[in-house]
């Protein structure tokens, strides 16, 4: 077999494998991604047994810690609708009332209070508030002291 033809065949096989690997990577990346939903969206359409990424703010006065479990409510950023969450797992240090969180939840099922969800272990993420908040106009620089 001609060496030039051998190189061409190897190149075609290598490029075909690369294209297949890139396609498989893109497929798994997009099929594994899920969008985060707010409590009002979660209340509107929840299917038993399915997991959802819940995002929102922890309701002030709702955090109750009991041994390894933590219970709290998550509300929409703009709306006042909220859902109860029961969670067991690692709790990030910045977790507190009023902070935004993302947590993977599933419906608590029959026998549980309505609008209550169970957080999957070690899925609680706390979004820290921005250090760079918009503020009013900058204060004028102070004049040098007069003698």
C-alpha atoms as a PDB file:
ATOM      1  CA  UNK A   1       0.000   0.000   0.000  1.00  0.00           C
ATOM      2  CA  UNK A   2       1.183   3.482  -0.870  1.00  0.00           C
ATOM      3  CA  UNK A   3       2.488   5.421   2.225  1.00  0.00           C
ATOM      4  CA  UNK A   4       0.609   8.591   1.202  1.00  0.00           C
ATOM      5  CA  UNK A   5      -2.655   6.655   1.009  1.00  0.00           C
ATOM      6  CA  UNK A   6      -1.951   5.121   4.445  1.00  0.00           C
ATOM      7  CA  UNK A   7      -1.487   8.599   5.946  1.00  0.00           C
ATOM      8  CA  UNK A   8      -4.745   9.804   4.385  1.00  0.00           C
ATOM      9  CA  UNK A   9      -6.668   6.833   5.789  1.00  0.00           C
ATOM     10  CA  UNK A  10      -5.191   7.410   9.268  1.00  0.00           C
ATOM     11  CA  UNK A  11      -6.060  11.102   9.064  1.00  0.00           C
ATOM     12  CA  UNK A  12      -9.679  10.361   8.052  1.00  0.00           C
ATOM     13  CA  UNK A  13     -10.030   7.828  10.913  1.00  0.00           C
ATOM     14  CA  UNK A  14      -8.489  10.228  13.458  1.00  0.00           C
ATOM     15  CA  UNK A  15     -10.727  13.130  12.359  1.00  0.00           C
ATOM     16  CA  UNK A  16     -13.813  10.885  12.411  1.00  0.00           C
ATOM     17  CA  UNK A  17     -13.013   9.783  15.978  1.00  0.00           C
ATOM     18  CA  UNK A  18     -12.462  13.396  17.039  1.00  0.00           C
ATOM     19  CA  UNK A  19     -15.806  14.473  15.554  1.00  0.00           C
ATOM     20  CA  UNK A  20     -17.589  11.574  17.307  1.00  0.00           C
ATOM     21  CA  UNK A  21     -15.974  12.432  20.651  1.00  0.00           C
ATOM     22  CA  UNK A  22     -16.891  16.126  20.347  1.00  0.00           C
ATOM     23  CA  UNK A  23     -20.465  15.159  19.469  1.00  0.00           C
ATOM     24  CA  UNK A  24     -20.702  12.800  22.457  1.00  0.00           C
ATOM     25  CA  UNK A  25     -19.310  15.481  24.780  1.00  0.00           C
ATOM     26  CA  UNK A  26     -21.775  18.101  23.503  1.00  0.00           C
ATOM     27  CA  UNK A  27     -24.696  15.663  23.843  1.00  0.00           C
ATOM     28  CA  UNK A  28     -23.866  14.711  27.438  1.00  0.00           C
ATOM     29  CA  UNK A  29     -23.253  18.334  28.414  1.00  0.00           C
ATOM     30  CA  UNK A  30     -26.593  19.573  27.120  1.00  0.00           C
ATOM     31  CA  UNK A  31     -28.664  16.565  28.167  1.00  0.00           C
ATOM     32  CA  UNK A  32     -27.374  16.746  31.760  1.00  0.00           C
ATOM     33  CA  UNK A  33     -28.094  20.460  32.112  1.00  0.00           C
ATOM     34  CA  UNK A  34     -31.268  21.526  33.828  1.00  0.00           C
ATOM     35  CA  UNK A  35     -32.659  24.984  34.308  1.00  0.00           C
ATOM     36  CA  UNK A  36     -33.273  26.336  37.775  1.00  0.00           C
ATOM     37  CA  UNK A  37     -36.893  27.072  38.682  1.00  0.00           C
ATOM     38  CA  UNK A  38     -38.343  29.477  41.220  1.00  0.00           C
ATOM     39  CA  UNK A  39     -40.923  28.346  43.815  1.00  0.00           C
ATOM     40  CA  UNK A  40     -43.898  29.752  41.830  1.00  0.00           C
ATOM     41  CA  UNK A  41     -42.791  27.751  38.761  1.00  0.00           C
ATOM     42  CA  UNK A  42     -42.257  24.662  40.914  1.00  0.00           C
ATOM     43  CA  UNK A  43     -45.723  24.949  42.432  1.00  0.00           C
ATOM     44  CA  UNK A  44     -47.288  25.338  38.990  1.00  0.00           C
ATOM     45  CA  UNK A  45     -45.862  22.106  37.574  1.00  0.00           C
ATOM     46  CA  UNK A  46     -44.367  19.406  39.765  1.00  0.00           C
ATOM     47  CA  UNK A  47     -44.208  15.772  38.731  1.00  0.00           C
ATOM     48  CA  UNK A  48     -43.786  13.202  41.525  1.00  0.00           C
ATOM     49  CA  UNK A  49     -40.391  11.505  41.495  1.00  0.00           C
ATOM     50  CA  UNK A  50     -38.665  14.160  39.358  1.00  0.00           C
ATOM     51  CA  UNK A  51     -35.813  16.325  40.623  1.00  0.00           C
ATOM     52  CA  UNK A  52     -35.725  20.080  40.120  1.00  0.00           C
ATOM     53  CA  UNK A  53     -33.089  22.740  40.696  1.00  0.00           C
ATOM     54  CA  UNK A  54     -34.809  25.253  42.935  1.00  0.00           C
ATOM     55  CA  UNK A  55     -33.513  28.809  43.155  1.00  0.00           C
ATOM     56  CA  UNK A  56     -34.694  31.675  45.312  1.00  0.00           C
ATOM     57  CA  UNK A  57     -34.144  33.488  48.592  1.00  0.00           C
ATOM     58  CA  UNK A  58     -34.296  31.892  52.036  1.00  0.00           C
ATOM     59  CA  UNK A  59     -37.294  33.356  53.868  1.00  0.00           C
ATOM     60  CA  UNK A  60     -36.426  35.394  56.971  1.00  0.00           C
ATOM     61  CA  UNK A  61     -37.318  33.541  60.185  1.00  0.00           C
ATOM     62  CA  UNK A  62     -37.810  30.188  58.446  1.00  0.00           C
ATOM     63  CA  UNK A  63     -34.523  28.416  59.178  1.00  0.00           C
ATOM     64  CA  UNK A  64     -34.855  25.660  61.799  1.00  0.00           C
ATOM     65  CA  UNK A  65     -31.890  23.414  62.587  1.00  0.00           C
ATOM     66  CA  UNK A  66     -32.456  20.025  64.221  1.00  0.00           C
ATOM     67  CA  UNK A  67     -29.495  17.646  64.598  1.00  0.00           C
ATOM     68  CA  UNK A  68     -28.408  16.757  61.062  1.00  0.00           C
ATOM     69  CA  UNK A  69     -31.469  18.260  59.385  1.00  0.00           C
ATOM     70  CA  UNK A  70     -32.240  21.821  58.403  1.00  0.00           C
ATOM     71  CA  UNK A  71     -35.673  23.101  57.410  1.00  0.00           C
ATOM     72  CA  UNK A  72     -36.275  26.380  55.654  1.00  0.00           C
ATOM     73  CA  UNK A  73     -38.500  28.087  53.125  1.00  0.00           C
ATOM     74  CA  UNK A  74     -37.398  29.392  49.727  1.00  0.00           C
ATOM     75  CA  UNK A  75     -39.304  32.234  48.063  1.00  0.00           C
ATOM     76  CA  UNK A  76     -39.261  33.827  44.620  1.00  0.00           C
ATOM     77  CA  UNK A  77     -36.998  36.834  44.136  1.00  0.00           C
ATOM     78  CA  UNK A  78     -39.921  39.046  43.187  1.00  0.00           C
ATOM     79  CA  UNK A  79     -43.007  37.119  44.252  1.00  0.00           C
ATOM     80  CA  UNK A  80     -44.019  36.126  47.763  1.00  0.00           C
ATOM     81  CA  UNK A  81     -44.743  32.470  46.917  1.00  0.00           C
ATOM     82  CA  UNK A  82     -42.553  30.050  48.831  1.00  0.00           C
ATOM     83  CA  UNK A  83     -41.990  26.346  49.382  1.00  0.00           C
ATOM     84  CA  UNK A  84     -40.748  24.412  52.406  1.00  0.00           C
ATOM     85  CA  UNK A  85     -37.491  22.470  52.048  1.00  0.00           C
ATOM     86  CA  UNK A  86     -36.134  19.742  54.322  1.00  0.00           C
ATOM     87  CA  UNK A  87     -32.404  19.189  53.784  1.00  0.00           C
ATOM     88  CA  UNK A  88     -29.722  16.882  55.157  1.00  0.00           C
ATOM     89  CA  UNK A  89     -26.141  17.397  54.040  1.00  0.00           C
ATOM     90  CA  UNK A  90     -23.305  19.887  53.971  1.00  0.00           C
ATOM     91  CA  UNK A  91     -24.449  23.462  54.586  1.00  0.00           C
ATOM     92  CA  UNK A  92     -22.225  26.202  53.124  1.00  0.00           C
ATOM     93  CA  UNK A  93     -20.844  28.742  55.610  1.00  0.00           C
ATOM     94  CA  UNK A  94     -22.556  31.760  53.985  1.00  0.00           C
ATOM     95  CA  UNK A  95     -26.006  30.078  54.217  1.00  0.00           C
ATOM     96  CA  UNK A  96     -28.431  32.287  56.141  1.00  0.00           C
ATOM     97  CA  UNK A  97     -31.821  33.936  55.902  1.00  0.00           C
ATOM     98  CA  UNK A  98     -32.207  36.347  53.005  1.00  0.00           C
ATOM     99  CA  UNK A  99     -29.466  34.737  50.890  1.00  0.00           C
ATOM    100  CA  UNK A 100     -30.078  33.296  47.451  1.00  0.00           C
ATOM    101  CA  UNK A 101     -29.694  29.539  47.204  1.00  0.00           C
ATOM    102  CA  UNK A 102     -29.774  26.826  44.573  1.00  0.00           C
ATOM    103  CA  UNK A 103     -30.738  23.331  45.702  1.00  0.00           C
ATOM    104  CA  UNK A 104     -31.838  20.159  43.940  1.00  0.00           C
ATOM    105  CA  UNK A 105     -35.220  19.083  45.342  1.00  0.00           C
ATOM    106  CA  UNK A 106     -37.943  16.516  44.798  1.00  0.00           C
ATOM    107  CA  UNK A 107     -41.528  16.452  46.018  1.00  0.00           C
ATOM    108  CA  UNK A 108     -41.929  15.228  49.601  1.00  0.00           C
ATOM    109  CA  UNK A 109     -44.799  13.002  48.436  1.00  0.00           C
ATOM    110  CA  UNK A 110     -48.011  11.830  50.040  1.00  0.00           C
ATOM    111  CA  UNK A 111     -48.448  12.441  53.756  1.00  0.00           C
ATOM    112  CA  UNK A 112     -46.143  15.469  53.740  1.00  0.00           C
ATOM    113  CA  UNK A 113     -47.405  19.025  54.135  1.00  0.00           C
ATOM    114  CA  UNK A 114     -48.446  20.598  50.819  1.00  0.00           C
ATOM    115  CA  UNK A 115     -45.794  22.553  48.950  1.00  0.00           C
ATOM    116  CA  UNK A 116     -42.949  20.804  50.788  1.00  0.00           C
ATOM    117  CA  UNK A 117     -39.857  19.383  49.153  1.00  0.00           C
ATOM    118  CA  UNK A 118     -36.858  17.280  50.135  1.00  0.00           C
ATOM    119  CA  UNK A 119     -33.432  18.603  49.222  1.00  0.00           C
ATOM    120  CA  UNK A 120     -31.018  16.067  47.786  1.00  0.00           C
ATOM    121  CA  UNK A 121     -27.956  15.532  49.957  1.00  0.00           C
ATOM    122  CA  UNK A 122     -25.008  17.881  49.372  1.00  0.00           C
ATOM    123  CA  UNK A 123     -26.701  19.931  46.631  1.00  0.00           C
ATOM    124  CA  UNK A 124     -27.222  23.167  48.578  1.00  0.00           C
ATOM    125  CA  UNK A 125     -25.313  26.099  47.069  1.00  0.00           C
ATOM    126  CA  UNK A 126     -25.409  29.610  48.492  1.00  0.00           C
ATOM    127  CA  UNK A 127     -25.076  32.521  46.101  1.00  0.00           C
ATOM    128  CA  UNK A 128     -23.130  35.314  47.768  1.00  0.00           C
ATOM    129  CA  UNK A 129     -24.388  38.869  47.387  1.00  0.00           C
ATOM    130  CA  UNK A 130     -22.469  40.999  44.955  1.00  0.00           C
ATOM    131  CA  UNK A 131     -19.675  43.118  46.373  1.00  0.00           C
ATOM    132  CA  UNK A 132     -20.349  45.634  43.650  1.00  0.00           C
ATOM    133  CA  UNK A 133     -23.790  47.072  44.254  1.00  0.00           C
ATOM    134  CA  UNK A 134     -25.033  50.164  42.511  1.00  0.00           C
ATOM    135  CA  UNK A 135     -24.903  53.121  44.808  1.00  0.00           C
ATOM    136  CA  UNK A 136     -25.855  56.760  44.584  1.00  0.00           C
ATOM    137  CA  UNK A 137     -23.546  59.444  43.265  1.00  0.00           C
ATOM    138  CA  UNK A 138     -20.057  59.434  44.694  1.00  0.00           C
ATOM    139  CA  UNK A 139     -19.428  61.733  47.608  1.00  0.00           C
ATOM    140  CA  UNK A 140     -17.334  64.774  46.715  1.00  0.00           C
ATOM    141  CA  UNK A 141     -13.722  64.715  47.812  1.00  0.00           C
ATOM    142  CA  UNK A 142     -13.117  66.692  50.981  1.00  0.00           C
ATOM    143  CA  UNK A 143     -11.199  69.902  50.691  1.00  0.00           C
ATOM    144  CA  UNK A 144      -7.815  70.211  52.297  1.00  0.00           C
ATOM    145  CA  UNK A 145      -7.953  71.598  55.819  1.00  0.00           C
ATOM    146  CA  UNK A 146      -7.548  75.315  56.010  1.00  0.00           C
ATOM    147  CA  UNK A 147      -5.117  76.690  58.564  1.00  0.00           C
END
